Amino acid sequence: QYLRIDRWLVFGGSWGSTLALAYAQTHPSRVSELVLRGIFTLRKSELDWFYEGGAQAVFPDAWEGFLAPVPVEERNMLIQAYSRLLNNPDPAIHGPAAVAWSVWEAPTITLLPTPNVVSTFSDPRYALAFARIENHYFVNRGFFDDGQLIRDAHLIADIPGVIIQGRYDICTPAVTAWDLHRVWPEAQFVMVPDAGHAFDEPGILSALIDATDRFAEI
């Protein structure tokens, strides 16, 4: 409204796909197209996969670092345990917890190791902001009903869209993108066979550019 834009293409990946879906379902008349990548809807099953034991089967070495700050007796509810640690006023407690939370995600977002990503996620200031924001929303399940963004996909049925998903995405596994595709069949579904989660994986980046170029011509 401030910019006097009546309708616009909404583009989002990962957490951005969450926000894009929530916005489009709330204001469908304002969205001309949707371009989504690495679909994440904050369902309990999605959070459990990545933060309660699931992804650890693929990255057991990184998982040990994620567990390290958490007392053994609290490891049955890790998101809640991290909430306590990250909000502890003592930097000696919240600092290492933030880095452990952030660094756990870093190696999982690309198909092949990317040292510069791990380095960025290891920065204490970055990690504290990143971990506290993520954990706050995850503890509260994004303030959505469980499954809400999939359930309400009928609200965006008339919006042209593209769903782009890396086959080997560990952070946001392909099942969520597929679940969205099943209830929103009008959208184009692109499974990139040789990619993980990150937007700049070659196949994903190409698909994103193709989608935005196509919509730019409409």
N, C-alpha and C. Protein backbone atom coordinates (compact mmCIF):
# COMPACT_ATOMS: atom_id res chain seq x y z
N GLN A 1 0.83 -1.20 0.00
CA GLN A 1 0.00 0.00 0.00
C GLN A 1 0.87 1.26 0.00
N TYR A 2 1.93 1.24 0.81
CA TYR A 2 2.81 2.41 0.90
C TYR A 2 3.42 2.73 -0.46
N LEU A 3 3.83 1.69 -1.19
CA LEU A 3 4.45 1.88 -2.50
C LEU A 3 3.43 1.96 -3.63
N ARG A 4 2.15 1.83 -3.29
CA ARG A 4 1.06 1.89 -4.26
C ARG A 4 1.19 0.81 -5.33
N ILE A 5 1.57 -0.36 -4.88
CA ILE A 5 1.66 -1.53 -5.76
C ILE A 5 0.45 -2.41 -5.47
N ASP A 6 -0.40 -2.57 -6.44
CA ASP A 6 -1.63 -3.34 -6.23
C ASP A 6 -1.36 -4.84 -6.14
N ARG A 7 -0.53 -5.36 -7.05
CA ARG A 7 -0.23 -6.79 -7.09
C ARG A 7 1.24 -6.96 -7.42
N TRP A 8 1.83 -8.02 -6.87
CA TRP A 8 3.26 -8.22 -7.08
C TRP A 8 3.61 -9.70 -7.03
N LEU A 9 4.71 -10.04 -7.69
CA LEU A 9 5.23 -11.39 -7.63
C LEU A 9 5.91 -11.58 -6.27
N VAL A 10 5.55 -12.63 -5.58
CA VAL A 10 6.15 -12.92 -4.28
C VAL A 10 7.10 -14.11 -4.44
N PHE A 11 8.32 -13.93 -4.00
CA PHE A 11 9.41 -14.88 -4.21
C PHE A 11 9.99 -15.23 -2.84
N GLY A 12 10.11 -16.52 -2.54
CA GLY A 12 10.67 -16.89 -1.25
C GLY A 12 11.18 -18.30 -1.21
N GLY A 13 12.29 -18.49 -0.51
CA GLY A 13 12.85 -19.82 -0.34
C GLY A 13 13.06 -20.14 1.12
N SER A 14 12.83 -21.40 1.49
CA SER A 14 13.02 -21.86 2.87
C SER A 14 12.05 -21.09 3.78
N TRP A 15 12.57 -20.36 4.76
CA TRP A 15 11.70 -19.55 5.62
C TRP A 15 10.93 -18.54 4.77
N GLY A 16 11.56 -18.08 3.70
CA GLY A 16 10.86 -17.17 2.79
C GLY A 16 9.66 -17.81 2.12
N SER A 17 9.73 -19.12 1.88
CA SER A 17 8.56 -19.80 1.31
C SER A 17 7.42 -19.85 2.32
N THR A 18 7.77 -19.96 3.60
CA THR A 18 6.77 -19.92 4.66
C THR A 18 6.04 -18.59 4.64
N LEU A 19 6.83 -17.51 4.63
CA LEU A 19 6.25 -16.17 4.64
C LEU A 19 5.45 -15.91 3.37
N ALA A 20 5.97 -16.38 2.24
CA ALA A 20 5.27 -16.16 0.97
C ALA A 20 3.92 -16.86 0.96
N LEU A 21 3.89 -18.11 1.43
CA LEU A 21 2.62 -18.84 1.48
C LEU A 21 1.64 -18.18 2.44
N ALA A 22 2.14 -17.77 3.61
CA ALA A 22 1.26 -17.13 4.59
C ALA A 22 0.69 -15.82 4.04
N TYR A 23 1.54 -15.05 3.39
CA TYR A 23 1.07 -13.78 2.81
C TYR A 23 0.06 -14.03 1.69
N ALA A 24 0.39 -14.95 0.79
CA ALA A 24 -0.49 -15.21 -0.35
C ALA A 24 -1.84 -15.76 0.08
N GLN A 25 -1.84 -16.60 1.11
CA GLN A 25 -3.10 -17.16 1.58
C GLN A 25 -3.94 -16.12 2.32
N THR A 26 -3.28 -15.11 2.88
CA THR A 26 -3.99 -14.04 3.59
C THR A 26 -4.45 -12.95 2.63
N HIS A 27 -3.63 -12.67 1.62
CA HIS A 27 -3.92 -11.58 0.68
C HIS A 27 -3.81 -12.08 -0.77
N PRO A 28 -4.58 -13.07 -1.17
CA PRO A 28 -4.42 -13.64 -2.52
C PRO A 28 -4.62 -12.63 -3.64
N SER A 29 -5.46 -11.65 -3.42
CA SER A 29 -5.72 -10.67 -4.48
C SER A 29 -4.53 -9.76 -4.74
N ARG A 30 -3.57 -9.75 -3.82
CA ARG A 30 -2.39 -8.89 -3.95
C ARG A 30 -1.22 -9.59 -4.64
N VAL A 31 -1.34 -10.89 -4.90
CA VAL A 31 -0.22 -11.68 -5.42
C VAL A 31 -0.47 -12.03 -6.88
N SER A 32 0.44 -11.61 -7.74
CA SER A 32 0.31 -11.91 -9.18
C SER A 32 0.87 -13.29 -9.51
N GLU A 33 2.00 -13.65 -8.90
CA GLU A 33 2.63 -14.96 -9.08
C GLU A 33 3.39 -15.32 -7.81
N LEU A 34 3.66 -16.62 -7.65
CA LEU A 34 4.47 -17.11 -6.54
C LEU A 34 5.63 -17.94 -7.10
N VAL A 35 6.83 -17.65 -6.63
CA VAL A 35 8.00 -18.46 -6.95
C VAL A 35 8.58 -18.93 -5.62
N LEU A 36 8.50 -20.24 -5.37
CA LEU A 36 8.86 -20.80 -4.07
C LEU A 36 9.96 -21.84 -4.24
N ARG A 37 10.85 -21.87 -3.24
CA ARG A 37 11.99 -22.81 -3.29
C ARG A 37 12.24 -23.39 -1.90
N GLY A 38 12.53 -24.69 -1.84
CA GLY A 38 12.85 -25.31 -0.56
C GLY A 38 11.72 -25.14 0.44
N ILE A 39 10.60 -25.77 0.18
CA ILE A 39 9.36 -25.47 0.89
C ILE A 39 9.44 -25.87 2.36
N PHE A 40 9.05 -24.92 3.21
CA PHE A 40 9.10 -25.09 4.67
C PHE A 40 7.82 -24.51 5.23
N THR A 41 7.03 -25.33 5.94
CA THR A 41 5.74 -24.86 6.44
C THR A 41 5.61 -24.95 7.96
N LEU A 42 6.70 -25.29 8.66
CA LEU A 42 6.74 -25.36 10.12
C LEU A 42 5.81 -26.39 10.72
N ARG A 43 5.47 -27.42 9.97
CA ARG A 43 4.73 -28.51 10.59
C ARG A 43 5.61 -29.20 11.63
N LYS A 44 4.98 -29.82 12.61
CA LYS A 44 5.74 -30.52 13.64
C LYS A 44 6.65 -31.57 13.02
N SER A 45 6.17 -32.27 12.01
CA SER A 45 6.97 -33.32 11.39
C SER A 45 8.24 -32.75 10.75
N GLU A 46 8.15 -31.54 10.20
CA GLU A 46 9.31 -30.91 9.58
C GLU A 46 10.33 -30.49 10.63
N LEU A 47 9.85 -29.90 11.72
CA LEU A 47 10.75 -29.49 12.79
C LEU A 47 11.37 -30.69 13.48
N ASP A 48 10.58 -31.73 13.68
CA ASP A 48 11.11 -32.94 14.31
C ASP A 48 12.21 -33.56 13.46
N TRP A 49 12.02 -33.56 12.15
CA TRP A 49 13.02 -34.14 11.25
C TRP A 49 14.38 -33.48 11.45
N PHE A 50 14.38 -32.15 11.49
CA PHE A 50 15.67 -31.46 11.49
C PHE A 50 16.23 -31.20 12.88
N TYR A 51 15.35 -31.03 13.87
CA TYR A 51 15.83 -30.61 15.19
C TYR A 51 15.59 -31.61 16.30
N GLU A 52 14.92 -32.71 16.02
CA GLU A 52 14.68 -33.67 17.08
C GLU A 52 15.20 -35.06 16.72
N GLY A 53 15.92 -35.17 15.63
CA GLY A 53 16.50 -36.46 15.25
C GLY A 53 15.84 -37.00 14.01
N GLY A 54 16.54 -37.00 12.93
CA GLY A 54 16.04 -37.42 11.62
C GLY A 54 17.17 -37.13 10.66
N ALA A 55 17.44 -35.84 10.53
CA ALA A 55 18.57 -35.40 9.72
C ALA A 55 19.90 -35.89 10.28
N GLN A 56 19.90 -36.22 11.55
CA GLN A 56 21.13 -36.73 12.17
C GLN A 56 21.61 -38.02 11.50
N ALA A 57 20.71 -38.75 10.86
CA ALA A 57 21.10 -39.99 10.19
C ALA A 57 22.01 -39.71 9.01
N VAL A 58 21.92 -38.50 8.45
CA VAL A 58 22.75 -38.12 7.32
C VAL A 58 23.99 -37.36 7.78
N PHE A 59 23.87 -36.61 8.86
CA PHE A 59 24.97 -35.82 9.38
C PHE A 59 25.22 -36.15 10.85
N PRO A 60 25.60 -37.38 11.18
CA PRO A 60 25.81 -37.74 12.58
C PRO A 60 26.95 -36.98 13.23
N ASP A 61 27.96 -36.62 12.45
CA ASP A 61 29.10 -35.88 13.00
C ASP A 61 28.68 -34.47 13.41
N ALA A 62 27.95 -33.77 12.56
CA ALA A 62 27.48 -32.43 12.89
C ALA A 62 26.45 -32.47 14.02
N TRP A 63 25.67 -33.54 14.08
CA TRP A 63 24.65 -33.68 15.12
C TRP A 63 25.27 -33.72 16.51
N GLU A 64 26.42 -34.32 16.65
CA GLU A 64 27.08 -34.36 17.95
C GLU A 64 27.38 -32.95 18.45
N GLY A 65 27.78 -32.07 17.55
CA GLY A 65 28.02 -30.69 17.93
C GLY A 65 26.74 -29.98 18.33
N PHE A 66 25.63 -30.32 17.68
CA PHE A 66 24.35 -29.72 18.02
C PHE A 66 23.88 -30.15 19.41
N LEU A 67 24.14 -31.40 19.75
CA LEU A 67 23.74 -31.91 21.06
C LEU A 67 24.61 -31.37 22.20
N ALA A 68 25.84 -31.01 21.90
CA ALA A 68 26.84 -30.75 22.93
C ALA A 68 26.41 -29.78 24.03
N PRO A 69 25.77 -28.63 23.72
CA PRO A 69 25.43 -27.70 24.80
C PRO A 69 24.24 -28.14 25.66
N VAL A 70 23.51 -29.15 25.22
CA VAL A 70 22.25 -29.51 25.87
C VAL A 70 22.49 -30.62 26.89
N PRO A 71 22.08 -30.41 28.15
CA PRO A 71 22.20 -31.49 29.14
C PRO A 71 21.49 -32.76 28.67
N VAL A 72 22.05 -33.89 29.01
CA VAL A 72 21.53 -35.17 28.54
C VAL A 72 20.05 -35.33 28.87
N GLU A 73 19.65 -34.89 30.04
CA GLU A 73 18.27 -35.08 30.47
C GLU A 73 17.28 -34.20 29.69
N GLU A 74 17.76 -33.25 28.90
CA GLU A 74 16.87 -32.37 28.13
C GLU A 74 16.88 -32.69 26.64
N ARG A 75 17.53 -33.75 26.26
CA ARG A 75 17.71 -34.02 24.82
C ARG A 75 16.52 -34.69 24.16
N ASN A 76 15.45 -34.88 24.90
CA ASN A 76 14.23 -35.43 24.29
C ASN A 76 13.33 -34.33 23.72
N MET A 77 13.65 -33.06 24.02
CA MET A 77 12.90 -31.92 23.47
C MET A 77 13.91 -30.81 23.18
N LEU A 78 14.62 -30.95 22.09
CA LEU A 78 15.78 -30.10 21.83
C LEU A 78 15.41 -28.66 21.49
N ILE A 79 14.34 -28.44 20.78
CA ILE A 79 13.96 -27.06 20.45
C ILE A 79 13.65 -26.29 21.73
N GLN A 80 12.92 -26.92 22.64
CA GLN A 80 12.61 -26.27 23.91
C GLN A 80 13.86 -26.09 24.76
N ALA A 81 14.73 -27.08 24.75
CA ALA A 81 15.97 -26.96 25.52
C ALA A 81 16.81 -25.80 25.01
N TYR A 82 16.89 -25.67 23.71
CA TYR A 82 17.65 -24.56 23.14
C TYR A 82 17.00 -23.21 23.45
N SER A 83 15.70 -23.16 23.54
CA SER A 83 15.03 -21.92 23.90
C SER A 83 15.52 -21.43 25.26
N ARG A 84 15.62 -22.36 26.20
CA ARG A 84 16.12 -22.00 27.53
C ARG A 84 17.57 -21.52 27.45
N LEU A 85 18.40 -22.22 26.71
CA LEU A 85 19.82 -21.86 26.62
C LEU A 85 20.01 -20.52 25.90
N LEU A 86 19.32 -20.33 24.81
CA LEU A 86 19.51 -19.11 24.01
C LEU A 86 19.00 -17.87 24.71
N ASN A 87 18.04 -18.03 25.60
CA ASN A 87 17.49 -16.89 26.32
C ASN A 87 18.08 -16.71 27.71
N ASN A 88 19.07 -17.53 28.04
CA ASN A 88 19.80 -17.33 29.29
C ASN A 88 20.62 -16.05 29.18
N PRO A 89 20.57 -15.17 30.17
CA PRO A 89 21.30 -13.89 30.06
C PRO A 89 22.82 -14.03 30.10
N ASP A 90 23.32 -15.17 30.52
CA ASP A 90 24.76 -15.37 30.64
C ASP A 90 25.37 -15.66 29.26
N PRO A 91 26.27 -14.79 28.77
CA PRO A 91 26.90 -15.04 27.47
C PRO A 91 27.65 -16.37 27.40
N ALA A 92 28.12 -16.84 28.55
CA ALA A 92 28.84 -18.12 28.56
C ALA A 92 27.91 -19.29 28.27
N ILE A 93 26.60 -19.06 28.41
CA ILE A 93 25.61 -20.10 28.12
C ILE A 93 24.98 -19.86 26.75
N HIS A 94 24.46 -18.64 26.53
CA HIS A 94 23.75 -18.43 25.25
C HIS A 94 24.70 -18.35 24.06
N GLY A 95 25.95 -17.95 24.28
CA GLY A 95 26.90 -17.83 23.17
C GLY A 95 27.23 -19.16 22.52
N PRO A 96 27.75 -20.13 23.27
CA PRO A 96 28.04 -21.44 22.67
C PRO A 96 26.80 -22.14 22.12
N ALA A 97 25.66 -21.95 22.78
CA ALA A 97 24.42 -22.57 22.29
C ALA A 97 24.04 -21.99 20.93
N ALA A 98 24.19 -20.69 20.77
CA ALA A 98 23.85 -20.06 19.49
C ALA A 98 24.74 -20.56 18.37
N VAL A 99 26.02 -20.66 18.63
CA VAL A 99 26.95 -21.14 17.60
C VAL A 99 26.63 -22.60 17.25
N ALA A 100 26.34 -23.41 18.25
CA ALA A 100 26.02 -24.82 17.99
C ALA A 100 24.75 -24.95 17.16
N TRP A 101 23.74 -24.15 17.47
CA TRP A 101 22.49 -24.17 16.70
C TRP A 101 22.75 -23.76 15.25
N SER A 102 23.47 -22.67 15.08
CA SER A 102 23.73 -22.15 13.75
C SER A 102 24.61 -23.07 12.92
N VAL A 103 25.67 -23.57 13.53
CA VAL A 103 26.62 -24.41 12.81
C VAL A 103 26.00 -25.74 12.41
N TRP A 104 25.02 -26.23 13.17
CA TRP A 104 24.33 -27.47 12.79
C TRP A 104 23.70 -27.33 11.41
N GLU A 105 23.13 -26.18 11.11
CA GLU A 105 22.44 -26.01 9.83
C GLU A 105 23.42 -25.86 8.67
N ALA A 106 24.56 -25.23 8.93
CA ALA A 106 25.48 -24.84 7.85
C ALA A 106 25.87 -25.97 6.89
N PRO A 107 26.33 -27.12 7.37
CA PRO A 107 26.77 -28.15 6.41
C PRO A 107 25.63 -28.87 5.71
N THR A 108 24.41 -28.65 6.16
CA THR A 108 23.27 -29.39 5.61
C THR A 108 22.60 -28.69 4.43
N ILE A 109 22.98 -27.45 4.14
CA ILE A 109 22.19 -26.69 3.16
C ILE A 109 22.66 -26.85 1.72
N THR A 110 23.84 -27.43 1.52
CA THR A 110 24.32 -27.64 0.16
C THR A 110 24.59 -29.12 -0.08
N LEU A 111 24.52 -29.50 -1.33
CA LEU A 111 24.74 -30.90 -1.67
C LEU A 111 26.17 -31.33 -1.36
N LEU A 112 27.12 -30.45 -1.64
CA LEU A 112 28.53 -30.70 -1.36
C LEU A 112 29.04 -29.69 -0.34
N PRO A 113 30.08 -30.02 0.43
CA PRO A 113 30.58 -29.12 1.47
C PRO A 113 30.94 -27.74 0.92
N THR A 114 30.58 -26.71 1.69
CA THR A 114 30.87 -25.32 1.32
C THR A 114 31.47 -24.62 2.53
N PRO A 115 32.80 -24.59 2.65
CA PRO A 115 33.46 -24.07 3.86
C PRO A 115 33.08 -22.63 4.20
N ASN A 116 32.86 -21.78 3.20
CA ASN A 116 32.55 -20.38 3.51
C ASN A 116 31.20 -20.24 4.20
N VAL A 117 30.26 -21.15 3.91
CA VAL A 117 28.96 -21.11 4.58
C VAL A 117 29.13 -21.47 6.05
N VAL A 118 29.91 -22.49 6.33
CA VAL A 118 30.17 -22.89 7.72
C VAL A 118 30.85 -21.75 8.47
N SER A 119 31.77 -21.06 7.81
CA SER A 119 32.47 -19.94 8.44
C SER A 119 31.50 -18.82 8.81
N THR A 120 30.59 -18.49 7.91
CA THR A 120 29.60 -17.44 8.18
C THR A 120 28.71 -17.82 9.35
N PHE A 121 28.22 -19.05 9.35
CA PHE A 121 27.31 -19.50 10.40
C PHE A 121 28.02 -19.63 11.74
N SER A 122 29.34 -19.66 11.74
CA SER A 122 30.11 -19.80 12.98
C SER A 122 30.36 -18.47 13.67
N ASP A 123 30.13 -17.37 12.98
CA ASP A 123 30.38 -16.06 13.57
C ASP A 123 29.45 -15.85 14.77
N PRO A 124 29.99 -15.53 15.95
CA PRO A 124 29.15 -15.47 17.16
C PRO A 124 28.00 -14.47 17.07
N ARG A 125 28.24 -13.30 16.50
CA ARG A 125 27.16 -12.30 16.42
C ARG A 125 26.06 -12.76 15.46
N TYR A 126 26.48 -13.26 14.32
CA TYR A 126 25.51 -13.80 13.36
C TYR A 126 24.73 -14.94 14.00
N ALA A 127 25.46 -15.85 14.63
CA ALA A 127 24.83 -17.05 15.19
C ALA A 127 23.79 -16.70 16.24
N LEU A 128 24.08 -15.72 17.10
CA LEU A 128 23.14 -15.39 18.17
C LEU A 128 21.83 -14.85 17.60
N ALA A 129 21.93 -13.93 16.65
CA ALA A 129 20.71 -13.40 16.04
C ALA A 129 19.95 -14.49 15.29
N PHE A 130 20.68 -15.25 14.50
CA PHE A 130 20.08 -16.32 13.69
C PHE A 130 19.37 -17.34 14.58
N ALA A 131 20.07 -17.81 15.60
CA ALA A 131 19.53 -18.87 16.46
C ALA A 131 18.33 -18.39 17.26
N ARG A 132 18.42 -17.19 17.83
CA ARG A 132 17.31 -16.70 18.65
C ARG A 132 16.04 -16.49 17.81
N ILE A 133 16.19 -15.92 16.63
CA ILE A 133 15.02 -15.69 15.79
C ILE A 133 14.40 -17.01 15.35
N GLU A 134 15.24 -17.91 14.81
CA GLU A 134 14.72 -19.21 14.38
C GLU A 134 14.04 -19.95 15.52
N ASN A 135 14.73 -20.05 16.62
CA ASN A 135 14.21 -20.84 17.73
C ASN A 135 12.89 -20.26 18.26
N HIS A 136 12.79 -18.94 18.31
CA HIS A 136 11.56 -18.31 18.79
C HIS A 136 10.36 -18.75 17.94
N TYR A 137 10.54 -18.71 16.63
CA TYR A 137 9.44 -19.11 15.76
C TYR A 137 9.20 -20.61 15.81
N PHE A 138 10.25 -21.39 15.98
CA PHE A 138 10.08 -22.84 15.99
C PHE A 138 9.41 -23.31 17.27
N VAL A 139 9.74 -22.71 18.40
CA VAL A 139 9.06 -23.05 19.65
C VAL A 139 7.56 -22.79 19.52
N ASN A 140 7.22 -21.73 18.81
CA ASN A 140 5.82 -21.35 18.65
C ASN A 140 5.20 -21.86 17.34
N ARG A 141 5.92 -22.75 16.65
CA ARG A 141 5.45 -23.34 15.38
C ARG A 141 5.02 -22.28 14.37
N GLY A 142 5.76 -21.16 14.39
CA GLY A 142 5.44 -20.10 13.44
C GLY A 142 4.13 -19.39 13.73
N PHE A 143 3.51 -19.70 14.88
CA PHE A 143 2.20 -19.16 15.24
C PHE A 143 1.11 -19.61 14.25
N PHE A 144 1.36 -20.77 13.64
CA PHE A 144 0.37 -21.40 12.75
C PHE A 144 -0.25 -22.61 13.45
N ASP A 145 -1.43 -23.00 13.00
CA ASP A 145 -1.94 -24.33 13.32
C ASP A 145 -1.07 -25.34 12.59
N ASP A 146 -0.91 -26.52 13.16
CA ASP A 146 -0.07 -27.51 12.50
C ASP A 146 -0.67 -27.89 11.14
N GLY A 147 0.12 -27.74 10.10
CA GLY A 147 -0.36 -28.06 8.76
C GLY A 147 -1.17 -26.98 8.08
N GLN A 148 -1.24 -25.81 8.69
CA GLN A 148 -2.11 -24.74 8.18
C GLN A 148 -1.78 -24.33 6.74
N LEU A 149 -0.51 -24.17 6.43
CA LEU A 149 -0.14 -23.66 5.11
C LEU A 149 -0.42 -24.66 4.00
N ILE A 150 -0.37 -25.95 4.33
CA ILE A 150 -0.77 -26.97 3.35
C ILE A 150 -2.30 -27.04 3.27
N ARG A 151 -2.93 -27.02 4.42
CA ARG A 151 -4.40 -27.10 4.48
C ARG A 151 -5.07 -25.99 3.68
N ASP A 152 -4.49 -24.79 3.75
CA ASP A 152 -5.14 -23.63 3.14
C ASP A 152 -4.62 -23.31 1.74
N ALA A 153 -3.95 -24.27 1.13
CA ALA A 153 -3.41 -24.02 -0.21
C ALA A 153 -4.50 -23.75 -1.24
N HIS A 154 -5.73 -24.18 -0.98
CA HIS A 154 -6.82 -23.90 -1.92
C HIS A 154 -7.03 -22.40 -2.11
N LEU A 155 -6.57 -21.61 -1.15
CA LEU A 155 -6.76 -20.17 -1.23
C LEU A 155 -5.87 -19.53 -2.30
N ILE A 156 -4.85 -20.26 -2.75
CA ILE A 156 -3.95 -19.71 -3.76
C ILE A 156 -4.08 -20.45 -5.09
N ALA A 157 -5.13 -21.21 -5.25
CA ALA A 157 -5.30 -22.05 -6.46
C ALA A 157 -5.27 -21.24 -7.74
N ASP A 158 -5.71 -19.99 -7.68
CA ASP A 158 -5.78 -19.17 -8.89
C ASP A 158 -4.53 -18.34 -9.13
N ILE A 159 -3.52 -18.48 -8.28
CA ILE A 159 -2.28 -17.73 -8.44
C ILE A 159 -1.28 -18.57 -9.23
N PRO A 160 -0.78 -18.10 -10.36
CA PRO A 160 0.26 -18.84 -11.07
C PRO A 160 1.48 -19.01 -10.17
N GLY A 161 2.04 -20.22 -10.16
CA GLY A 161 3.16 -20.45 -9.25
C GLY A 161 4.12 -21.51 -9.74
N VAL A 162 5.30 -21.49 -9.14
CA VAL A 162 6.33 -22.49 -9.39
C VAL A 162 6.88 -22.95 -8.04
N ILE A 163 6.96 -24.25 -7.86
CA ILE A 163 7.56 -24.86 -6.66
C ILE A 163 8.87 -25.50 -7.11
N ILE A 164 9.99 -25.04 -6.56
CA ILE A 164 11.31 -25.54 -6.94
C ILE A 164 11.93 -26.21 -5.73
N GLN A 165 12.37 -27.45 -5.89
CA GLN A 165 12.83 -28.25 -4.76
C GLN A 165 14.07 -29.06 -5.13
N GLY A 166 15.08 -29.01 -4.27
CA GLY A 166 16.25 -29.86 -4.45
C GLY A 166 15.95 -31.28 -3.97
N ARG A 167 16.27 -32.25 -4.77
CA ARG A 167 16.00 -33.65 -4.42
C ARG A 167 16.66 -34.03 -3.10
N TYR A 168 17.88 -33.55 -2.86
CA TYR A 168 18.64 -33.97 -1.68
C TYR A 168 18.70 -32.87 -0.62
N ASP A 169 17.62 -32.15 -0.50
CA ASP A 169 17.49 -31.10 0.51
C ASP A 169 17.31 -31.76 1.88
N ILE A 170 18.27 -31.55 2.76
CA ILE A 170 18.21 -32.12 4.11
C ILE A 170 17.44 -31.20 5.06
N CYS A 171 17.57 -29.89 4.88
CA CYS A 171 16.88 -28.94 5.78
C CYS A 171 15.37 -29.00 5.63
N THR A 172 14.93 -28.93 4.40
CA THR A 172 13.49 -28.95 4.11
C THR A 172 13.24 -30.05 3.09
N PRO A 173 13.10 -31.28 3.55
CA PRO A 173 13.01 -32.43 2.63
C PRO A 173 11.89 -32.30 1.61
N ALA A 174 12.07 -32.99 0.51
CA ALA A 174 11.18 -32.86 -0.65
C ALA A 174 9.74 -33.23 -0.35
N VAL A 175 9.50 -33.97 0.72
CA VAL A 175 8.13 -34.39 1.02
C VAL A 175 7.20 -33.19 1.23
N THR A 176 7.73 -32.11 1.80
CA THR A 176 6.87 -30.94 2.04
C THR A 176 6.51 -30.26 0.72
N ALA A 177 7.48 -30.11 -0.16
CA ALA A 177 7.19 -29.55 -1.48
C ALA A 177 6.18 -30.41 -2.22
N TRP A 178 6.33 -31.72 -2.09
CA TRP A 178 5.41 -32.64 -2.76
C TRP A 178 4.01 -32.54 -2.17
N ASP A 179 3.92 -32.43 -0.84
CA ASP A 179 2.62 -32.26 -0.20
C ASP A 179 1.94 -30.99 -0.68
N LEU A 180 2.72 -29.92 -0.83
CA LEU A 180 2.15 -28.67 -1.34
C LEU A 180 1.70 -28.84 -2.79
N HIS A 181 2.50 -29.49 -3.57
CA HIS A 181 2.16 -29.72 -4.98
C HIS A 181 0.86 -30.52 -5.12
N ARG A 182 0.65 -31.48 -4.26
CA ARG A 182 -0.55 -32.31 -4.35
C ARG A 182 -1.82 -31.51 -4.08
N VAL A 183 -1.73 -30.51 -3.22
CA VAL A 183 -2.92 -29.70 -2.92
C VAL A 183 -2.96 -28.40 -3.73
N TRP A 184 -1.90 -28.15 -4.48
CA TRP A 184 -1.83 -26.98 -5.35
C TRP A 184 -1.30 -27.42 -6.72
N PRO A 185 -2.04 -28.29 -7.40
CA PRO A 185 -1.55 -28.88 -8.66
C PRO A 185 -1.45 -27.87 -9.79
N GLU A 186 -2.08 -26.72 -9.61
CA GLU A 186 -2.01 -25.70 -10.66
C GLU A 186 -0.60 -25.13 -10.80
N ALA A 187 0.19 -25.21 -9.74
CA ALA A 187 1.56 -24.69 -9.78
C ALA A 187 2.49 -25.66 -10.51
N GLN A 188 3.46 -25.12 -11.21
CA GLN A 188 4.49 -25.95 -11.82
C GLN A 188 5.40 -26.51 -10.72
N PHE A 189 5.73 -27.78 -10.82
CA PHE A 189 6.60 -28.42 -9.83
C PHE A 189 7.91 -28.80 -10.50
N VAL A 190 9.02 -28.31 -9.93
CA VAL A 190 10.35 -28.58 -10.49
C VAL A 190 11.20 -29.26 -9.42
N MET A 191 11.52 -30.53 -9.64
CA MET A 191 12.42 -31.25 -8.75
C MET A 191 13.81 -31.23 -9.38
N VAL A 192 14.75 -30.58 -8.71
CA VAL A 192 16.11 -30.47 -9.22
C VAL A 192 16.88 -31.71 -8.75
N PRO A 193 17.34 -32.55 -9.66
CA PRO A 193 17.86 -33.87 -9.27
C PRO A 193 19.21 -33.87 -8.59
N ASP A 194 19.98 -32.79 -8.74
CA ASP A 194 21.35 -32.79 -8.21
C ASP A 194 21.60 -31.58 -7.32
N ALA A 195 20.66 -31.33 -6.40
CA ALA A 195 20.76 -30.15 -5.55
C ALA A 195 20.29 -30.45 -4.14
N GLY A 196 20.78 -29.61 -3.21
CA GLY A 196 20.32 -29.66 -1.84
C GLY A 196 19.32 -28.54 -1.58
N HIS A 197 19.64 -27.69 -0.58
CA HIS A 197 18.68 -26.69 -0.12
C HIS A 197 18.95 -25.28 -0.64
N ALA A 198 20.20 -24.91 -0.79
CA ALA A 198 20.56 -23.51 -1.02
C ALA A 198 20.08 -22.99 -2.37
N PHE A 199 19.77 -21.70 -2.39
CA PHE A 199 19.26 -21.09 -3.63
C PHE A 199 20.30 -21.07 -4.73
N ASP A 200 21.59 -21.04 -4.35
CA ASP A 200 22.62 -20.92 -5.37
C ASP A 200 23.22 -22.25 -5.80
N GLU A 201 22.58 -23.35 -5.43
CA GLU A 201 22.95 -24.62 -6.05
C GLU A 201 22.65 -24.46 -7.55
N PRO A 202 23.54 -24.88 -8.44
CA PRO A 202 23.39 -24.55 -9.87
C PRO A 202 22.02 -24.86 -10.46
N GLY A 203 21.50 -26.06 -10.23
CA GLY A 203 20.21 -26.41 -10.80
C GLY A 203 19.07 -25.59 -10.24
N ILE A 204 19.12 -25.29 -8.95
CA ILE A 204 18.07 -24.48 -8.33
C ILE A 204 18.12 -23.06 -8.86
N LEU A 205 19.31 -22.49 -8.92
CA LEU A 205 19.44 -21.12 -9.40
C LEU A 205 18.92 -20.98 -10.83
N SER A 206 19.23 -21.95 -11.66
CA SER A 206 18.74 -21.91 -13.04
C SER A 206 17.22 -21.96 -13.09
N ALA A 207 16.63 -22.82 -12.25
CA ALA A 207 15.17 -22.93 -12.23
C ALA A 207 14.51 -21.65 -11.72
N LEU A 208 15.12 -21.01 -10.74
CA LEU A 208 14.59 -19.75 -10.22
C LEU A 208 14.64 -18.66 -11.29
N ILE A 209 15.76 -18.59 -12.00
CA ILE A 209 15.89 -17.58 -13.06
C ILE A 209 14.89 -17.85 -14.18
N ASP A 210 14.73 -19.11 -14.55
CA ASP A 210 13.76 -19.46 -15.59
C ASP A 210 12.35 -19.02 -15.19
N ALA A 211 12.00 -19.28 -13.93
CA ALA A 211 10.65 -18.94 -13.46
C ALA A 211 10.42 -17.43 -13.47
N THR A 212 11.38 -16.68 -12.93
CA THR A 212 11.19 -15.23 -12.87
C THR A 212 11.22 -14.61 -14.26
N ASP A 213 12.08 -15.13 -15.14
CA ASP A 213 12.10 -14.62 -16.52
C ASP A 213 10.76 -14.86 -17.21
N ARG A 214 10.21 -16.04 -16.99
CA ARG A 214 8.93 -16.37 -17.64
C ARG A 214 7.81 -15.45 -17.15
N PHE A 215 7.77 -15.24 -15.84
CA PHE A 215 6.72 -14.38 -15.30
C PHE A 215 6.93 -12.91 -15.69
N ALA A 216 8.19 -12.52 -15.91
CA ALA A 216 8.46 -11.13 -16.31
C ALA A 216 7.89 -10.81 -17.68
N GLU A 217 7.67 -11.86 -18.48
CA GLU A 217 7.15 -11.66 -19.83
C GLU A 217 5.63 -11.58 -19.87
N ILE A 218 4.99 -11.90 -18.76
CA ILE A 218 3.52 -11.91 -18.73
C ILE A 218 2.99 -10.47 -18.62
